[in-house]
C-alpha atoms as a PDB file:
ATOM      1  CA  MET A   1      -9.210  12.246   2.360  1.00  0.00           C
ATOM      2  CA  SER A   2      -8.906  10.230   5.581  1.00  0.00           C
ATOM      3  CA  ASP A   3      -5.771   9.894   7.694  1.00  0.00           C
ATOM      4  CA  ALA A   4      -5.906   6.083   7.565  1.00  0.00           C
ATOM      5  CA  ILE A   5      -3.000   4.314   5.883  1.00  0.00           C
ATOM      6  CA  ILE A   6      -4.998   1.131   5.285  1.00  0.00           C
ATOM      7  CA  LYS A   7      -8.769   0.674   5.214  1.00  0.00           C
ATOM      8  CA  VAL A   8     -10.512  -2.681   5.119  1.00  0.00           C
ATOM      9  CA  GLU A   9     -14.057  -2.275   3.816  1.00  0.00           C
ATOM     10  CA  SER A  10     -16.792  -4.950   3.811  1.00  0.00           C
ATOM     11  CA  LEU A  11     -14.184  -7.666   3.376  1.00  0.00           C
ATOM     12  CA  ARG A  12     -15.312 -11.231   2.827  1.00  0.00           C
ATOM     13  CA  LYS A  13     -13.227 -14.266   1.975  1.00  0.00           C
ATOM     14  CA  SER A  14     -14.499 -17.726   1.100  1.00  0.00           C
ATOM     15  CA  PHE A  15     -12.721 -20.934   0.195  1.00  0.00           C
ATOM     16  CA  GLY A  16     -15.329 -22.862  -1.733  1.00  0.00           C
ATOM     17  CA  ASP A  17     -18.460 -22.970   0.420  1.00  0.00           C
ATOM     18  CA  HIS A  18     -16.555 -22.080   3.574  1.00  0.00           C
ATOM     19  CA  GLU A  19     -16.746 -18.391   4.453  1.00  0.00           C
ATOM     20  CA  VAL A  20     -13.657 -17.556   6.504  1.00  0.00           C
ATOM     21  CA  LEU A  21     -14.056 -13.748   6.733  1.00  0.00           C
ATOM     22  CA  LYS A  22     -17.481 -12.170   7.122  1.00  0.00           C
ATOM     23  CA  LYS A  23     -17.817  -8.446   6.371  1.00  0.00           C
ATOM     24  CA  ILE A  24     -14.695  -7.109   8.067  1.00  0.00           C
ATOM     25  CA  ASP A  25     -14.344  -3.336   8.483  1.00  0.00           C
ATOM     26  CA  PHE A  26     -11.454  -1.562  10.174  1.00  0.00           C
ATOM     27  CA  GLU A  27      -8.641   0.877   9.487  1.00  0.00           C
ATOM     28  CA  ILE A  28      -5.144   1.587  10.735  1.00  0.00           C
ATOM     29  CA  LYS A  29      -3.540   4.995  11.135  1.00  0.00           C
ATOM     30  CA  LYS A  30       0.115   5.991  11.227  1.00  0.00           C
ATOM     31  CA  GLY A  31       1.868   4.865  14.397  1.00  0.00           C
ATOM     32  CA  GLU A  32      -0.835   2.455  15.507  1.00  0.00           C
ATOM     33  CA  VAL A  33       0.049  -1.048  16.680  1.00  0.00           C
ATOM     34  CA  ILE A  34      -2.941  -3.340  16.210  1.00  0.00           C
ATOM     35  CA  CYS A  35      -2.795  -6.809  17.712  1.00  0.00           C
ATOM     36  CA  ILE A  36      -5.345  -9.312  16.392  1.00  0.00           C
ATOM     37  CA  ILE A  37      -6.198 -12.096  18.825  1.00  0.00           C
ATOM     38  CA  GLY A  38      -8.626 -15.008  18.775  1.00  0.00           C
ATOM     39  CA  SER A  39      -8.850 -18.776  18.659  1.00  0.00           C
ATOM     40  CA  SER A  40      -7.223 -20.811  15.900  1.00  0.00           C
ATOM     41  CA  GLY A  41      -9.482 -20.833  12.854  1.00  0.00           C
ATOM     42  CA  SER A  42     -11.106 -17.490  13.638  1.00  0.00           C
ATOM     43  CA  GLY A  43      -9.783 -15.901  10.423  1.00  0.00           C
ATOM     44  CA  LYS A  44      -6.875 -13.846  11.806  1.00  0.00           C
ATOM     45  CA  SER A  45      -4.142 -15.026   9.436  1.00  0.00           C
ATOM     46  CA  THR A  46      -6.506 -15.026   6.452  1.00  0.00           C
ATOM     47  CA  LEU A  47      -7.324 -11.383   7.197  1.00  0.00           C
ATOM     48  CA  LEU A  48      -3.639 -10.504   7.241  1.00  0.00           C
ATOM     49  CA  ARG A  49      -3.030 -12.370   3.980  1.00  0.00           C
ATOM     50  CA  CYS A  50      -5.951 -10.520   2.375  1.00  0.00           C
ATOM     51  CA  ILE A  51      -4.525  -7.173   3.516  1.00  0.00           C
ATOM     52  CA  ASN A  52      -1.285  -8.043   1.726  1.00  0.00           C
ATOM     53  CA  HIS A  53      -3.229  -9.580  -1.189  1.00  0.00           C
ATOM     54  CA  LEU A  54      -1.560 -12.952  -0.739  1.00  0.00           C
ATOM     55  CA  GLU A  55      -5.197 -14.038  -0.738  1.00  0.00           C
ATOM     56  CA  THR A  56      -7.638 -12.266  -3.058  1.00  0.00           C
ATOM     57  CA  PRO A  57     -10.748 -11.063  -1.190  1.00  0.00           C
ATOM     58  CA  THR A  58     -14.026 -12.596  -2.352  1.00  0.00           C
ATOM     59  CA  GLU A  59     -15.813  -9.306  -1.719  1.00  0.00           C
ATOM     60  CA  GLY A  60     -14.900  -5.876  -0.365  1.00  0.00           C
ATOM     61  CA  GLU A  61     -11.793  -3.760  -0.738  1.00  0.00           C
ATOM     62  CA  ILE A  62      -8.425  -2.967   0.764  1.00  0.00           C
ATOM     63  CA  LEU A  63      -7.555   0.710   0.367  1.00  0.00           C
ATOM     64  CA  PHE A  64      -4.068   2.172   0.762  1.00  0.00           C
ATOM     65  CA  HIS A  65      -4.205   5.920   1.416  1.00  0.00           C
ATOM     66  CA  ASP A  66      -7.828   5.802   0.145  1.00  0.00           C
ATOM     67  CA  VAL A  67      -6.844   4.149  -3.165  1.00  0.00           C
ATOM     68  CA  PRO A  68      -8.189   0.614  -3.804  1.00  0.00           C
ATOM     69  CA  ILE A  69      -5.449  -1.967  -4.363  1.00  0.00           C
ATOM     70  CA  LYS A  70      -5.493  -3.263  -7.917  1.00  0.00           C
ATOM     71  CA  ASN A  71      -5.006  -6.987  -8.322  1.00  0.00           C
ATOM     72  CA  THR A  72      -2.268  -6.717 -10.949  1.00  0.00           C
ATOM     73  CA  GLY A  73       1.352  -7.827 -10.687  1.00  0.00           C
ATOM     74  CA  ARG A  74       2.938  -4.392 -10.849  1.00  0.00           C
ATOM     75  CA  ALA A  75       0.394  -2.698  -8.563  1.00  0.00           C
ATOM     76  CA  LEU A  76       0.713  -5.452  -5.961  1.00  0.00           C
ATOM     77  CA  SER A  77       4.511  -5.375  -6.120  1.00  0.00           C
ATOM     78  CA  GLU A  78       4.523  -1.618  -5.464  1.00  0.00           C
ATOM     79  CA  TYR A  79       1.970  -2.006  -2.664  1.00  0.00           C
ATOM     80  CA  ARG A  80       3.993  -4.728  -0.960  1.00  0.00           C
ATOM     81  CA  THR A  81       7.070  -2.507  -0.849  1.00  0.00           C
ATOM     82  CA  LYS A  82       4.983  -0.203   1.371  1.00  0.00           C
ATOM     83  CA  VAL A  83       3.144  -2.905   3.311  1.00  0.00           C
ATOM     84  CA  GLY A  84       5.663  -5.564   4.311  1.00  0.00           C
ATOM     85  CA  MET A  85       5.028  -8.913   5.920  1.00  0.00           C
ATOM     86  CA  VAL A  86       6.874 -11.115   8.402  1.00  0.00           C
ATOM     87  CA  PHE A  87       5.796 -14.767   8.313  1.00  0.00           C
ATOM     88  CA  GLN A  88       5.765 -17.357  11.075  1.00  0.00           C
ATOM     89  CA  SER A  89       8.037 -19.623   9.002  1.00  0.00           C
ATOM     90  CA  PHE A  90      10.665 -16.876   8.320  1.00  0.00           C
ATOM     91  CA  ASN A  91      10.741 -17.400   4.499  1.00  0.00           C
ATOM     92  CA  LEU A  92      14.462 -16.696   4.261  1.00  0.00           C
ATOM     93  CA  PHE A  93      16.494 -17.791   1.238  1.00  0.00           C
ATOM     94  CA  ASN A  94      18.521 -20.721   2.575  1.00  0.00           C
ATOM     95  CA  ASN A  95      21.212 -20.432  -0.115  1.00  0.00           C
ATOM     96  CA  MET A  96      21.947 -16.794   0.784  1.00  0.00           C
ATOM     97  CA  THR A  97      23.806 -15.270   3.705  1.00  0.00           C
ATOM     98  CA  VAL A  98      22.009 -13.093   6.236  1.00  0.00           C
ATOM     99  CA  PHE A  99      23.472 -10.032   4.515  1.00  0.00           C
ATOM    100  CA  ASP A 100      22.310 -11.108   1.047  1.00  0.00           C
ATOM    101  CA  ASN A 101      18.841 -11.982   2.348  1.00  0.00           C
ATOM    102  CA  CYS A 102      18.505  -8.431   3.599  1.00  0.00           C
ATOM    103  CA  MET A 103      19.766  -6.910   0.359  1.00  0.00           C
ATOM    104  CA  SER A 104      17.689  -9.052  -2.002  1.00  0.00           C
ATOM    105  CA  GLY A 105      14.504  -6.978  -1.937  1.00  0.00           C
ATOM    106  CA  THR A 106      16.150  -3.586  -2.118  1.00  0.00           C
ATOM    107  CA  LYS A 107      18.232  -4.715  -5.113  1.00  0.00           C
ATOM    108  CA  LYS A 108      15.639  -6.658  -7.092  1.00  0.00           C
ATOM    109  CA  VAL A 109      12.433  -4.787  -6.232  1.00  0.00           C
ATOM    110  CA  LEU A 110      13.471  -1.236  -5.332  1.00  0.00           C
ATOM    111  CA  HIS A 111      16.484  -1.251  -7.713  1.00  0.00           C
ATOM    112  CA  LEU A 112      18.593   0.764  -5.289  1.00  0.00           C
ATOM    113  CA  GLU A 113      22.311   1.350  -5.691  1.00  0.00           C
ATOM    114  CA  LYS A 114      24.498  -1.353  -4.159  1.00  0.00           C
ATOM    115  CA  GLU A 115      25.897   0.936  -1.448  1.00  0.00           C
ATOM    116  CA  GLU A 116      22.398   1.963  -0.365  1.00  0.00           C
ATOM    117  CA  CYS A 117      21.361  -1.702  -0.212  1.00  0.00           C
ATOM    118  CA  LYS A 118      24.392  -2.460   1.964  1.00  0.00           C
ATOM    119  CA  SER A 119      23.752   0.539   4.198  1.00  0.00           C
ATOM    120  CA  ARG A 120      20.138  -0.429   4.819  1.00  0.00           C
ATOM    121  CA  ALA A 121      21.054  -4.057   5.493  1.00  0.00           C
ATOM    122  CA  ILE A 122      23.710  -3.115   8.057  1.00  0.00           C
ATOM    123  CA  THR A 123      21.457  -0.518   9.725  1.00  0.00           C
ATOM    124  CA  HIS A 124      18.528  -2.881  10.218  1.00  0.00           C
ATOM    125  CA  LEU A 125      20.605  -5.923  11.148  1.00  0.00           C
ATOM    126  CA  LYS A 126      22.127  -3.780  13.900  1.00  0.00           C
ATOM    127  CA  GLN A 127      18.613  -2.672  14.856  1.00  0.00           C
ATOM    128  CA  VAL A 128      17.536  -6.280  15.523  1.00  0.00           C
ATOM    129  CA  GLY A 129      20.844  -7.361  17.057  1.00  0.00           C
ATOM    130  CA  MET A 130      21.942  -9.562  14.149  1.00  0.00           C
ATOM    131  CA  ALA A 131      24.907  -7.601  12.736  1.00  0.00           C
ATOM    132  CA  PRO A 132      27.463 -10.179  14.027  1.00  0.00           C
ATOM    133  CA  TYR A 133      25.828 -12.837  11.840  1.00  0.00           C
ATOM    134  CA  ILE A 134      25.918 -11.122   8.439  1.00  0.00           C
ATOM    135  CA  HIS A 135      27.963 -13.903   6.819  1.00  0.00           C
ATOM    136  CA  ALA A 136      25.946 -16.778   8.313  1.00  0.00           C
ATOM    137  CA  LYS A 137      23.471 -18.908   6.371  1.00  0.00           C
ATOM    138  CA  PRO A 138      19.960 -19.436   7.797  1.00  0.00           C
ATOM    139  CA  SER A 139      20.810 -23.078   8.581  1.00  0.00           C
ATOM    140  CA  GLN A 140      23.388 -21.810  11.084  1.00  0.00           C
ATOM    141  CA  LEU A 141      20.857 -19.718  13.014  1.00  0.00           C
ATOM    142  CA  SER A 142      18.337 -20.440  15.738  1.00  0.00           C
ATOM    143  CA  GLY A 143      14.649 -19.851  15.075  1.00  0.00           C
ATOM    144  CA  GLY A 144      14.690 -16.573  16.984  1.00  0.00           C
ATOM    145  CA  GLN A 145      17.696 -15.369  15.026  1.00  0.00           C
ATOM    146  CA  LYS A 146      16.033 -16.301  11.724  1.00  0.00           C
ATOM    147  CA  GLN A 147      12.944 -14.321  12.659  1.00  0.00           C
ATOM    148  CA  ARG A 148      15.022 -11.294  13.609  1.00  0.00           C
ATOM    149  CA  VAL A 149      16.726 -11.483  10.196  1.00  0.00           C
ATOM    150  CA  ALA A 150      13.297 -11.724   8.552  1.00  0.00           C
ATOM    151  CA  ILE A 151      12.235  -8.567  10.405  1.00  0.00           C
ATOM    152  CA  ALA A 152      15.435  -6.766   9.341  1.00  0.00           C
ATOM    153  CA  ARG A 153      14.842  -7.807   5.723  1.00  0.00           C
ATOM    154  CA  ALA A 154      11.310  -6.377   5.842  1.00  0.00           C
ATOM    155  CA  LEU A 155      12.575  -3.133   7.412  1.00  0.00           C
ATOM    156  CA  CYS A 156      15.120  -2.693   4.608  1.00  0.00           C
ATOM    157  CA  MET A 157      12.203  -1.894   2.278  1.00  0.00           C
ATOM    158  CA  ASN A 158      11.252   1.095   4.487  1.00  0.00           C
ATOM    159  CA  PRO A 159       7.606  -0.029   4.743  1.00  0.00           C
ATOM    160  CA  GLU A 160       4.852   2.273   5.964  1.00  0.00           C
ATOM    161  CA  VAL A 161       3.137  -0.694   7.621  1.00  0.00           C
ATOM    162  CA  LEU A 162       4.566  -4.032   8.714  1.00  0.00           C
ATOM    163  CA  LEU A 163       2.322  -7.086   9.047  1.00  0.00           C
ATOM    164  CA  PHE A 164       3.304  -9.916  11.390  1.00  0.00           C
ATOM    165  CA  ASP A 165       1.603 -13.310  11.029  1.00  0.00           C
ATOM    166  CA  GLU A 166       2.097 -15.104  14.358  1.00  0.00           C
ATOM    167  CA  PRO A 167       5.836 -14.314  14.310  1.00  0.00           C
ATOM    168  CA  THR A 168       6.633 -16.370  17.424  1.00  0.00           C
ATOM    169  CA  SER A 169       4.451 -19.450  16.851  1.00  0.00           C
ATOM    170  CA  ALA A 170       7.242 -21.496  15.232  1.00  0.00           C
ATOM    171  CA  LEU A 171       9.770 -20.666  17.950  1.00  0.00           C
ATOM    172  CA  ASP A 172      10.889 -22.582  21.006  1.00  0.00           C
ATOM    173  CA  PRO A 173       9.659 -20.842  24.192  1.00  0.00           C
ATOM    174  CA  GLU A 174      13.105 -19.511  25.135  1.00  0.00           C
ATOM    175  CA  MET A 175      13.402 -17.762  21.751  1.00  0.00           C
ATOM    176  CA  VAL A 176      10.030 -15.994  21.871  1.00  0.00           C
ATOM    177  CA  GLY A 177      11.250 -13.193  24.122  1.00  0.00           C
ATOM    178  CA  GLU A 178      14.083 -12.071  21.839  1.00  0.00           C
ATOM    179  CA  VAL A 179      11.672 -11.575  18.931  1.00  0.00           C
ATOM    180  CA  LEU A 180       9.006  -9.865  21.046  1.00  0.00           C
ATOM    181  CA  ASN A 181      11.649  -7.490  22.436  1.00  0.00           C
ATOM    182  CA  VAL A 182      12.579  -6.431  18.881  1.00  0.00           C
ATOM    183  CA  MET A 183       8.905  -5.848  18.098  1.00  0.00           C
ATOM    184  CA  LYS A 184       8.420  -3.821  21.288  1.00  0.00           C
ATOM    185  CA  LYS A 185      11.355  -1.643  20.249  1.00  0.00           C
ATOM    186  CA  LEU A 186       9.865  -1.102  16.785  1.00  0.00           C
ATOM    187  CA  ALA A 187       6.545  -0.144  18.370  1.00  0.00           C
ATOM    188  CA  SER A 188       8.267   2.364  20.661  1.00  0.00           C
ATOM    189  CA  GLU A 189       9.960   3.889  17.591  1.00  0.00           C
ATOM    190  CA  GLY A 190       6.569   4.531  15.967  1.00  0.00           C
ATOM    191  CA  LEU A 191       6.442   1.806  13.302  1.00  0.00           C
ATOM    192  CA  THR A 192       2.881   1.098  12.186  1.00  0.00           C
ATOM    193  CA  MET A 193       2.142  -2.596  12.701  1.00  0.00           C
ATOM    194  CA  ILE A 194      -0.655  -5.149  12.450  1.00  0.00           C
ATOM    195  CA  ILE A 195       0.213  -8.273  14.434  1.00  0.00           C
ATOM    196  CA  VAL A 196      -1.619 -11.591  14.566  1.00  0.00           C
ATOM    197  CA  THR A 197      -0.489 -13.129  17.831  1.00  0.00           C
ATOM    198  CA  HIS A 198      -1.226 -15.624  20.594  1.00  0.00           C
ATOM    199  CA  GLU A 199       1.045 -13.658  22.954  1.00  0.00           C
ATOM    200  CA  MET A 200      -1.611 -12.034  25.156  1.00  0.00           C
ATOM    201  CA  GLU A 201       0.747 -10.156  27.464  1.00  0.00           C
ATOM    202  CA  PHE A 202       2.457  -8.633  24.441  1.00  0.00           C
ATOM    203  CA  ALA A 203      -0.902  -7.592  22.956  1.00  0.00           C
ATOM    204  CA  LYS A 204      -2.028  -6.145  26.275  1.00  0.00           C
ATOM    205  CA  ASN A 205       1.152  -4.167  26.903  1.00  0.00           C
ATOM    206  CA  VAL A 206       2.279  -3.108  23.413  1.00  0.00           C
ATOM    207  CA  SER A 207      -0.776  -2.661  21.179  1.00  0.00           C
ATOM    208  CA  THR A 208      -2.523   0.675  20.851  1.00  0.00           C
ATOM    209  CA  ARG A 209      -5.639  -1.240  19.758  1.00  0.00           C
ATOM    210  CA  THR A 210      -6.557  -4.883  20.144  1.00  0.00           C
ATOM    211  CA  ILE A 211      -8.979  -6.684  17.839  1.00  0.00           C
ATOM    212  CA  PHE A 212     -10.671  -9.891  18.945  1.00  0.00           C
ATOM    213  CA  MET A 213     -11.855 -12.116  16.075  1.00  0.00           C
ATOM    214  CA  ASP A 214     -14.194 -15.077  16.277  1.00  0.00           C
ATOM    215  CA  ASP A 215     -15.753 -17.199  13.517  1.00  0.00           C
ATOM    216  CA  GLY A 216     -14.684 -14.774  10.783  1.00  0.00           C
ATOM    217  CA  TYR A 217     -16.003 -11.623  12.475  1.00  0.00           C
ATOM    218  CA  VAL A 218     -14.357  -8.706  14.250  1.00  0.00           C
ATOM    219  CA  VAL A 219     -16.168  -9.146  17.548  1.00  0.00           C
ATOM    220  CA  GLU A 220     -14.442  -6.389  19.491  1.00  0.00           C
ATOM    221  CA  ASP A 221     -12.013  -3.586  18.601  1.00  0.00           C
ATOM    222  CA  ASP A 222     -10.850  -1.437  21.497  1.00  0.00           C
ATOM    223  CA  ILE A 223      -7.848  -0.105  23.360  1.00  0.00           C
ATOM    224  CA  PRO A 224      -6.173  -2.958  25.285  1.00  0.00           C
ATOM    225  CA  GLN A 225      -6.947  -1.391  28.676  1.00  0.00           C
ATOM    226  CA  ASN A 226     -10.662  -1.821  27.923  1.00  0.00           C
ATOM    227  CA  LEU A 227     -10.608  -5.070  25.972  1.00  0.00           C
ATOM    228  CA  PHE A 228      -8.507  -7.003  28.481  1.00  0.00           C
ATOM    229  CA  THR A 229     -10.051  -5.629  31.689  1.00  0.00           C
ATOM    230  CA  ASN A 230     -13.667  -4.954  30.704  1.00  0.00           C
ATOM    231  CA  PRO A 231     -14.592  -6.655  27.412  1.00  0.00           C
ATOM    232  CA  LYS A 232     -18.067  -5.793  26.171  1.00  0.00           C
ATOM    233  CA  ASN A 233     -18.810  -8.974  24.242  1.00  0.00           C
ATOM    234  CA  PRO A 234     -19.542 -12.285  26.029  1.00  0.00           C
ATOM    235  CA  ARG A 235     -17.440 -14.181  23.467  1.00  0.00           C
ATOM    236  CA  THR A 236     -14.433 -11.953  24.219  1.00  0.00           C
ATOM    237  CA  ARG A 237     -14.928 -12.530  27.937  1.00  0.00           C
ATOM    238  CA  GLU A 238     -15.045 -16.291  27.396  1.00  0.00           C
ATOM    239  CA  PHE A 239     -11.858 -16.272  25.315  1.00  0.00           C
ATOM    240  CA  LEU A 240      -9.954 -14.121  27.794  1.00  0.00           C
ATOM    241  CA  LYS A 241     -11.169 -16.205  30.730  1.00  0.00           C
ATOM    242  CA  ARG A 242      -9.664 -19.302  29.088  1.00  0.00           C
ATOM    243  CA  TYR A 243      -6.433 -17.355  28.525  1.00  0.00           C
ATOM    244  CA  MET A 244      -6.279 -16.237  32.170  1.00  0.00           C
ATOM    245  CA  GLU A 245      -6.879 -19.802  33.364  1.00  0.00           C
ATOM    246  CA  SER A 246      -4.090 -21.147  31.154  1.00  0.00           C
END
């Protein structure tokens, strides 16, 4: 029995004749914060969607506490209560208030008592600084506020791992910082996270491991101090050089 929460083994994903992921292997342990970086089209978001089985792998397996994830409705629903996901487009229910958005999963999926649902919603909305907006609808919020609500909603499920798919890419520049600050706080509190991001400073300063992907491969997987200052692979060096120049 390993101490990994999630293992990705020999993962491949194709869309028709186009192979997007090519034999990916890695694992994440409790408390790790893994940032996945790379150019657009390198397979980062597809990898995250495969981990959460929003995309079905073509080959290979995702294991949760050493148990392969079964591709059935009930098994996936149970798995996703433990491995939550925050999307770049927020995915909030526009007809619900902030409060109801945060209670929806705990009521409908976890079937918790109403008071427990309320308690979790209030706790996590406070955690992300959105408690004053509990009666607001998503249309009344800025992009940064919507993303903080989306994070609170995911936290209400008490996930073991939280996946973030480019959580700041849809935000105006002035709103990026408020979301990254929430994520930094979650990292400091020990939440296990896998984050696809273009925010290099965040990856460098917050991740415990950084993965560089290119053309569907994991090219480099190292602690950020090594990957950002002394990358081993020429492709990583080229990517980071472009980042430093920009």
